[in-house]
Amino acid sequence: IGTLGAVQPSVAEEIIHNAISASSQDP
């Protein structure tokens, strides 16, 4: 799971949110 452009305030926060999505929300 990922984002095309920045959604979060930093790359670190982008990684945290997308890591959770990739591990638990990939349909």
PDB file of all heavy atoms in Angstrom:
ATOM      1  N   ILE A   1       0.869  -1.182   0.000  1.00  0.00           N
ATOM      2  CA  ILE A   1       0.000   0.000   0.000  1.00  0.00           C
ATOM      3  C   ILE A   1       0.899   1.222   0.000  1.00  0.00           C
ATOM      4  O   ILE A   1       1.965   1.218   0.620  1.00  0.00           O
ATOM      5  CB  ILE A   1      -0.909   0.034   1.254  1.00  0.00           C
ATOM      6  CG1 ILE A   1      -1.849  -1.163   1.314  1.00  0.00           C
ATOM      7  CG2 ILE A   1      -1.672   1.353   1.357  1.00  0.00           C
ATOM      8  CD1 ILE A   1      -3.134  -1.048   0.550  1.00  0.00           C
ATOM      9  N   GLY A   2       0.439   2.260  -0.687  1.00  0.00           N
ATOM     10  CA  GLY A   2       1.221   3.479  -0.698  1.00  0.00           C
ATOM     11  C   GLY A   2       0.427   4.682  -1.125  1.00  0.00           C
ATOM     12  O   GLY A   2      -0.777   4.604  -1.375  1.00  0.00           O
ATOM     13  N   THR A   3       1.137   5.784  -1.193  1.00  0.00           N
ATOM     14  CA  THR A   3       0.548   7.056  -1.585  1.00  0.00           C
ATOM     15  C   THR A   3       1.347   7.614  -2.756  1.00  0.00           C
ATOM     16  O   THR A   3       2.578   7.548  -2.757  1.00  0.00           O
ATOM     17  CB  THR A   3       0.566   8.038  -0.408  1.00  0.00           C
ATOM     18  OG1 THR A   3       1.846   7.998   0.235  1.00  0.00           O
ATOM     19  CG2 THR A   3      -0.492   7.692   0.621  1.00  0.00           C
ATOM     20  N   LEU A   4       0.635   8.174  -3.737  1.00  0.00           N
ATOM     21  CA  LEU A   4       1.293   8.750  -4.914  1.00  0.00           C
ATOM     22  C   LEU A   4       2.075  10.005  -4.561  1.00  0.00           C
ATOM     23  O   LEU A   4       3.124  10.270  -5.129  1.00  0.00           O
ATOM     24  CB  LEU A   4       0.251   9.117  -5.972  1.00  0.00           C
ATOM     25  CG  LEU A   4      -0.424   7.976  -6.694  1.00  0.00           C
ATOM     26  CD1 LEU A   4      -1.505   8.497  -7.613  1.00  0.00           C
ATOM     27  CD2 LEU A   4       0.588   7.186  -7.476  1.00  0.00           C
ATOM     28  N   GLY A   5       1.529  10.786  -3.663  1.00  0.00           N
ATOM     29  CA  GLY A   5       2.175  12.008  -3.206  1.00  0.00           C
ATOM     30  C   GLY A   5       2.074  12.082  -1.701  1.00  0.00           C
ATOM     31  O   GLY A   5       1.407  11.256  -1.070  1.00  0.00           O
ATOM     32  N   ALA A   6       2.728  13.066  -1.129  1.00  0.00           N
ATOM     33  CA  ALA A   6       2.733  13.209   0.325  1.00  0.00           C
ATOM     34  C   ALA A   6       1.323  13.464   0.852  1.00  0.00           C
ATOM     35  O   ALA A   6       0.605  14.313   0.334  1.00  0.00           O
ATOM     36  CB  ALA A   6       3.667  14.339   0.728  1.00  0.00           C
ATOM     37  N   VAL A   7       0.949  12.733   1.876  1.00  0.00           N
ATOM     38  CA  VAL A   7      -0.310  12.934   2.595  1.00  0.00           C
ATOM     39  C   VAL A   7       0.006  13.362   4.028  1.00  0.00           C
ATOM     40  O   VAL A   7      -0.684  14.172   4.610  1.00  0.00           O
ATOM     41  CB  VAL A   7      -1.154  11.632   2.588  1.00  0.00           C
ATOM     42  CG1 VAL A   7      -2.418  11.784   3.412  1.00  0.00           C
ATOM     43  CG2 VAL A   7      -1.487  11.220   1.161  1.00  0.00           C
ATOM     44  N   GLN A   8       1.083  12.798   4.573  1.00  0.00           N
ATOM     45  CA  GLN A   8       1.501  13.079   5.944  1.00  0.00           C
ATOM     46  C   GLN A   8       2.532  14.216   5.959  1.00  0.00           C
ATOM     47  O   GLN A   8       3.114  14.539   4.931  1.00  0.00           O
ATOM     48  CB  GLN A   8       2.102  11.809   6.567  1.00  0.00           C
ATOM     49  CG  GLN A   8       1.165  10.627   6.607  1.00  0.00           C
ATOM     50  CD  GLN A   8      -0.084  10.885   7.428  1.00  0.00           C
ATOM     51  OE1 GLN A   8      -0.041  11.570   8.453  1.00  0.00           O
ATOM     52  NE2 GLN A   8      -1.211  10.358   6.974  1.00  0.00           N
ATOM     53  N   PRO A   9       2.812  14.776   7.147  1.00  0.00           N
ATOM     54  CA  PRO A   9       3.759  15.895   7.243  1.00  0.00           C
ATOM     55  C   PRO A   9       5.221  15.538   6.976  1.00  0.00           C
ATOM     56  O   PRO A   9       6.036  16.427   6.758  1.00  0.00           O
ATOM     57  CB  PRO A   9       3.600  16.383   8.686  1.00  0.00           C
ATOM     58  CG  PRO A   9       2.321  15.816   9.177  1.00  0.00           C
ATOM     59  CD  PRO A   9       2.065  14.573   8.385  1.00  0.00           C
ATOM     60  N   SER A  10       5.562  14.231   6.996  1.00  0.00           N
ATOM     61  CA  SER A  10       6.959  13.836   6.769  1.00  0.00           C
ATOM     62  C   SER A  10       7.016  12.436   6.175  1.00  0.00           C
ATOM     63  O   SER A  10       6.053  11.669   6.272  1.00  0.00           O
ATOM     64  CB  SER A  10       7.745  13.856   8.086  1.00  0.00           C
ATOM     65  OG  SER A  10       7.313  12.792   8.926  1.00  0.00           O
ATOM     66  N   VAL A  11       8.166  12.106   5.585  1.00  0.00           N
ATOM     67  CA  VAL A  11       8.372  10.759   5.051  1.00  0.00           C
ATOM     68  C   VAL A  11       8.237   9.720   6.164  1.00  0.00           C
ATOM     69  O   VAL A  11       7.640   8.662   5.970  1.00  0.00           O
ATOM     70  CB  VAL A  11       9.743  10.653   4.335  1.00  0.00           C
ATOM     71  CG1 VAL A  11      10.125   9.206   4.082  1.00  0.00           C
ATOM     72  CG2 VAL A  11       9.710  11.414   3.012  1.00  0.00           C
ATOM     73  N   ALA A  12       8.750  10.020   7.344  1.00  0.00           N
ATOM     74  CA  ALA A  12       8.652   9.071   8.468  1.00  0.00           C
ATOM     75  C   ALA A  12       7.187   8.755   8.774  1.00  0.00           C
ATOM     76  O   ALA A  12       6.820   7.581   8.933  1.00  0.00           O
ATOM     77  CB  ALA A  12       9.358   9.631   9.696  1.00  0.00           C
ATOM     78  N   GLU A  13       6.344   9.783   8.848  1.00  0.00           N
ATOM     79  CA  GLU A  13       4.930   9.552   9.135  1.00  0.00           C
ATOM     80  C   GLU A  13       4.237   8.847   7.970  1.00  0.00           C
ATOM     81  O   GLU A  13       3.339   8.021   8.183  1.00  0.00           O
ATOM     82  CB  GLU A  13       4.240  10.876   9.456  1.00  0.00           C
ATOM     83  CG  GLU A  13       4.695  11.414  10.817  1.00  0.00           C
ATOM     84  CD  GLU A  13       4.286  12.850  11.041  1.00  0.00           C
ATOM     85  OE1 GLU A  13       5.050  13.745  10.604  1.00  0.00           O
ATOM     86  OE2 GLU A  13       3.211  13.070  11.625  1.00  0.00           O
ATOM     87  N   GLU A  14       4.657   9.144   6.755  1.00  0.00           N
ATOM     88  CA  GLU A  14       4.111   8.469   5.566  1.00  0.00           C
ATOM     89  C   GLU A  14       4.413   6.962   5.667  1.00  0.00           C
ATOM     90  O   GLU A  14       3.552   6.129   5.392  1.00  0.00           O
ATOM     91  CB  GLU A  14       4.743   9.062   4.311  1.00  0.00           C
ATOM     92  CG  GLU A  14       3.925   8.944   3.064  1.00  0.00           C
ATOM     93  CD  GLU A  14       2.829   9.999   2.925  1.00  0.00           C
ATOM     94  OE1 GLU A  14       3.024  11.165   3.291  1.00  0.00           O
ATOM     95  OE2 GLU A  14       1.755   9.625   2.419  1.00  0.00           O
ATOM     96  N   ILE A  15       5.644   6.616   6.063  1.00  0.00           N
ATOM     97  CA  ILE A  15       6.035   5.208   6.214  1.00  0.00           C
ATOM     98  C   ILE A  15       5.179   4.540   7.285  1.00  0.00           C
ATOM     99  O   ILE A  15       4.662   3.430   7.079  1.00  0.00           O
ATOM    100  CB  ILE A  15       7.540   5.080   6.552  1.00  0.00           C
ATOM    101  CG1 ILE A  15       8.385   5.495   5.344  1.00  0.00           C
ATOM    102  CG2 ILE A  15       7.876   3.651   7.001  1.00  0.00           C
ATOM    103  CD1 ILE A  15       9.872   5.659   5.655  1.00  0.00           C
ATOM    104  N   ILE A  16       5.016   5.187   8.429  1.00  0.00           N
ATOM    105  CA  ILE A  16       4.237   4.598   9.529  1.00  0.00           C
ATOM    106  C   ILE A  16       2.811   4.297   9.074  1.00  0.00           C
ATOM    107  O   ILE A  16       2.310   3.177   9.241  1.00  0.00           O
ATOM    108  CB  ILE A  16       4.262   5.524  10.770  1.00  0.00           C
ATOM    109  CG1 ILE A  16       5.668   5.517  11.392  1.00  0.00           C
ATOM    110  CG2 ILE A  16       3.199   5.104  11.784  1.00  0.00           C
ATOM    111  CD1 ILE A  16       5.900   6.583  12.455  1.00  0.00           C
ATOM    112  N   HIS A  17       2.152   5.262   8.474  1.00  0.00           N
ATOM    113  CA  HIS A  17       0.755   5.062   8.057  1.00  0.00           C
ATOM    114  C   HIS A  17       0.640   4.016   6.951  1.00  0.00           C
ATOM    115  O   HIS A  17      -0.265   3.167   6.984  1.00  0.00           O
ATOM    116  CB  HIS A  17       0.138   6.393   7.631  1.00  0.00           C
ATOM    117  CG  HIS A  17      -0.177   7.279   8.794  1.00  0.00           C
ATOM    118  ND1 HIS A  17      -1.377   7.253   9.456  1.00  0.00           N
ATOM    119  CD2 HIS A  17       0.584   8.191   9.440  1.00  0.00           C
ATOM    120  CE1 HIS A  17      -1.355   8.115  10.452  1.00  0.00           C
ATOM    121  NE2 HIS A  17      -0.171   8.708  10.462  1.00  0.00           N
ATOM    122  N   ASN A  18       1.550   4.032   5.985  1.00  0.00           N
ATOM    123  CA  ASN A  18       1.456   3.070   4.887  1.00  0.00           C
ATOM    124  C   ASN A  18       1.883   1.673   5.298  1.00  0.00           C
ATOM    125  O   ASN A  18       1.393   0.686   4.742  1.00  0.00           O
ATOM    126  CB  ASN A  18       2.227   3.579   3.673  1.00  0.00           C
ATOM    127  CG  ASN A  18       1.561   4.809   3.077  1.00  0.00           C
ATOM    128  OD1 ASN A  18       0.400   5.094   3.340  1.00  0.00           O
ATOM    129  ND2 ASN A  18       2.299   5.546   2.271  1.00  0.00           N
ATOM    130  N   ALA A  19       2.787   1.563   6.270  1.00  0.00           N
ATOM    131  CA  ALA A  19       3.176   0.240   6.779  1.00  0.00           C
ATOM    132  C   ALA A  19       1.981  -0.430   7.459  1.00  0.00           C
ATOM    133  O   ALA A  19       1.740  -1.627   7.260  1.00  0.00           O
ATOM    134  CB  ALA A  19       4.353   0.366   7.744  1.00  0.00           C
ATOM    135  N   ILE A  20       1.234   0.336   8.229  1.00  0.00           N
ATOM    136  CA  ILE A  20       0.040  -0.224   8.870  1.00  0.00           C
ATOM    137  C   ILE A  20      -0.976  -0.643   7.808  1.00  0.00           C
ATOM    138  O   ILE A  20      -1.528  -1.748   7.861  1.00  0.00           O
ATOM    139  CB  ILE A  20      -0.573   0.782   9.865  1.00  0.00           C
ATOM    140  CG1 ILE A  20       0.347   0.883  11.091  1.00  0.00           C
ATOM    141  CG2 ILE A  20      -1.990   0.358  10.280  1.00  0.00           C
ATOM    142  CD1 ILE A  20      -0.034   1.964  12.068  1.00  0.00           C
ATOM    143  N   SER A  21      -1.190   0.224   6.818  1.00  0.00           N
ATOM    144  CA  SER A  21      -2.143  -0.122   5.753  1.00  0.00           C
ATOM    145  C   SER A  21      -1.703  -1.369   4.990  1.00  0.00           C
ATOM    146  O   SER A  21      -2.520  -2.258   4.722  1.00  0.00           O
ATOM    147  CB  SER A  21      -2.289   1.046   4.777  1.00  0.00           C
ATOM    148  OG  SER A  21      -2.879   2.151   5.422  1.00  0.00           O
ATOM    149  N   ALA A  22      -0.417  -1.454   4.648  1.00  0.00           N
ATOM    150  CA  ALA A  22       0.083  -2.604   3.886  1.00  0.00           C
ATOM    151  C   ALA A  22      -0.053  -3.898   4.681  1.00  0.00           C
ATOM    152  O   ALA A  22      -0.295  -4.960   4.103  1.00  0.00           O
ATOM    153  CB  ALA A  22       1.542  -2.384   3.483  1.00  0.00           C
ATOM    154  N   SER A  23       0.097  -3.812   6.001  1.00  0.00           N
ATOM    155  CA  SER A  23       0.051  -5.027   6.818  1.00  0.00           C
ATOM    156  C   SER A  23      -1.357  -5.427   7.237  1.00  0.00           C
ATOM    157  O   SER A  23      -1.572  -6.568   7.645  1.00  0.00           O
ATOM    158  CB  SER A  23       0.919  -4.856   8.073  1.00  0.00           C
ATOM    159  OG  SER A  23       0.366  -3.888   8.945  1.00  0.00           O
ATOM    160  N   SER A  24      -2.314  -4.507   7.145  1.00  0.00           N
ATOM    161  CA  SER A  24      -3.636  -4.830   7.677  1.00  0.00           C
ATOM    162  C   SER A  24      -4.808  -4.441   6.785  1.00  0.00           C
ATOM    163  O   SER A  24      -5.930  -4.872   7.047  1.00  0.00           O
ATOM    164  CB  SER A  24      -3.813  -4.149   9.041  1.00  0.00           C
ATOM    165  OG  SER A  24      -3.766  -2.732   8.905  1.00  0.00           O
ATOM    166  N   GLN A  25      -4.570  -3.632   5.720  1.00  0.00           N
ATOM    167  CA  GLN A  25      -5.706  -3.134   4.950  1.00  0.00           C
ATOM    168  C   GLN A  25      -5.602  -3.382   3.450  1.00  0.00           C
ATOM    169  O   GLN A  25      -6.446  -2.891   2.696  1.00  0.00           O
ATOM    170  CB  GLN A  25      -5.878  -1.634   5.220  1.00  0.00           C
ATOM    171  CG  GLN A  25      -6.222  -1.362   6.668  1.00  0.00           C
ATOM    172  CD  GLN A  25      -6.119   0.115   7.024  1.00  0.00           C
ATOM    173  OE1 GLN A  25      -5.976   0.972   6.163  1.00  0.00           O
ATOM    174  NE2 GLN A  25      -6.184   0.407   8.304  1.00  0.00           N
ATOM    175  N   ASP A  26      -4.592  -4.124   3.001  1.00  0.00           N
ATOM    176  CA  ASP A  26      -4.524  -4.453   1.580  1.00  0.00           C
ATOM    177  C   ASP A  26      -5.665  -5.428   1.300  1.00  0.00           C
ATOM    178  O   ASP A  26      -5.693  -6.529   1.858  1.00  0.00           O
ATOM    179  CB  ASP A  26      -3.168  -5.084   1.243  1.00  0.00           C
ATOM    180  CG  ASP A  26      -2.968  -5.285  -0.259  1.00  0.00           C
ATOM    181  OD1 ASP A  26      -3.955  -5.581  -0.965  1.00  0.00           O
ATOM    182  OD2 ASP A  26      -1.817  -5.154  -0.718  1.00  0.00           O
ATOM    183  N   PRO A  27      -6.621  -5.038   0.437  1.00  0.00           N
ATOM    184  CA  PRO A  27      -7.802  -5.896   0.245  1.00  0.00           C
ATOM    185  C   PRO A  27      -7.492  -7.257  -0.380  1.00  0.00           C
ATOM    186  O   PRO A  27      -8.323  -8.154  -0.340  1.00  0.00           O
ATOM    187  CB  PRO A  27      -8.706  -5.058  -0.675  1.00  0.00           C
ATOM    188  CG  PRO A  27      -7.808  -4.051  -1.311  1.00  0.00           C
ATOM    189  CD  PRO A  27      -6.668  -3.821  -0.358  1.00  0.00           C
TER     190      PRO A  27
END
